[in-house]
């Protein structure tokens, strides 16, 4: 395992524990994906459901 792979594995474990301890909820975990700190695949592994990207809100046309 390369150093970078080990670092990524360590962060994945940290985020998993943060989720289990309630530091992050699902929305917080989604925020980590949006910020590119966590991959959608890692989100699914931690949360137990597929990551769905947020959709942009548009203002209703009058």
Protein backbone atom coordinates (compact mmCIF):
# COMPACT_ATOMS: atom_id res chain seq x y z
CA UNK A 1 0.00 0.00 0.00
CA UNK A 2 1.38 3.39 -0.97
CA UNK A 3 1.61 6.23 1.49
CA UNK A 4 -1.25 8.06 -0.25
CA UNK A 5 -3.48 4.97 -0.08
CA UNK A 6 -2.72 4.64 3.63
CA UNK A 7 -3.58 8.29 4.24
CA UNK A 8 -6.87 7.89 2.36
CA UNK A 9 -7.69 4.74 4.34
CA UNK A 10 -6.96 6.59 7.60
CA UNK A 11 -9.25 9.48 6.67
CA UNK A 12 -11.98 7.04 5.64
CA UNK A 13 -11.76 5.45 9.09
CA UNK A 14 -11.85 8.86 10.78
CA UNK A 15 -14.95 9.89 8.81
CA UNK A 16 -16.59 6.52 9.58
CA UNK A 17 -16.04 7.03 13.30
CA UNK A 18 -17.24 10.64 13.11
CA UNK A 19 -20.47 9.42 11.50
CA UNK A 20 -20.94 6.62 14.04
CA UNK A 21 -20.33 9.00 16.96
CA UNK A 22 -22.82 11.52 15.54
CA UNK A 23 -20.29 14.23 14.75
CA UNK A 24 -21.51 14.14 11.14
CA UNK A 25 -25.02 13.24 10.04
CA UNK A 26 -25.94 12.26 6.46
CA UNK A 27 -26.04 15.90 5.36
CA UNK A 28 -22.64 16.52 6.88
CA UNK A 29 -21.25 13.51 5.06
CA UNK A 30 -22.77 14.78 1.81
CA UNK A 31 -20.99 18.07 2.44
CA UNK A 32 -17.69 16.20 2.62
CA UNK A 33 -18.43 14.67 -0.79
CA UNK A 34 -19.32 18.08 -2.27
CA UNK A 35 -16.02 19.47 -0.91
CA UNK A 36 -14.20 16.46 -2.42
CA UNK A 37 -12.93 15.25 0.96
CA UNK A 38 -14.89 12.00 0.59
CA UNK A 39 -15.75 10.01 -2.53
CA UNK A 40 -19.34 9.02 -3.33
CA UNK A 41 -18.23 5.39 -2.95
CA UNK A 42 -16.84 6.05 0.51
CA UNK A 43 -20.05 7.87 1.44
CA UNK A 44 -22.04 4.77 0.47
CA UNK A 45 -19.70 2.55 2.48
CA UNK A 46 -20.04 4.70 5.60
CA UNK A 47 -23.71 5.68 5.45
CA UNK A 48 -25.05 2.49 3.89
CA UNK A 49 -26.86 4.13 1.00
CA UNK A 50 -25.87 5.53 -2.36
CA UNK A 51 -24.78 9.16 -2.58
CA UNK A 52 -27.21 11.34 -4.50
CA UNK A 53 -25.80 14.68 -5.57
CA UNK A 54 -27.86 17.69 -4.53
CA UNK A 55 -29.79 19.37 -7.30
CA UNK A 56 -29.66 23.09 -7.89
CA UNK A 57 -32.68 25.00 -6.70
CA UNK A 58 -34.17 27.28 -9.32
CA UNK A 59 -36.50 30.12 -8.62
CA UNK A 60 -40.04 29.68 -9.89
CA UNK A 61 -40.85 31.72 -12.93
CA UNK A 62 -43.67 34.22 -12.50
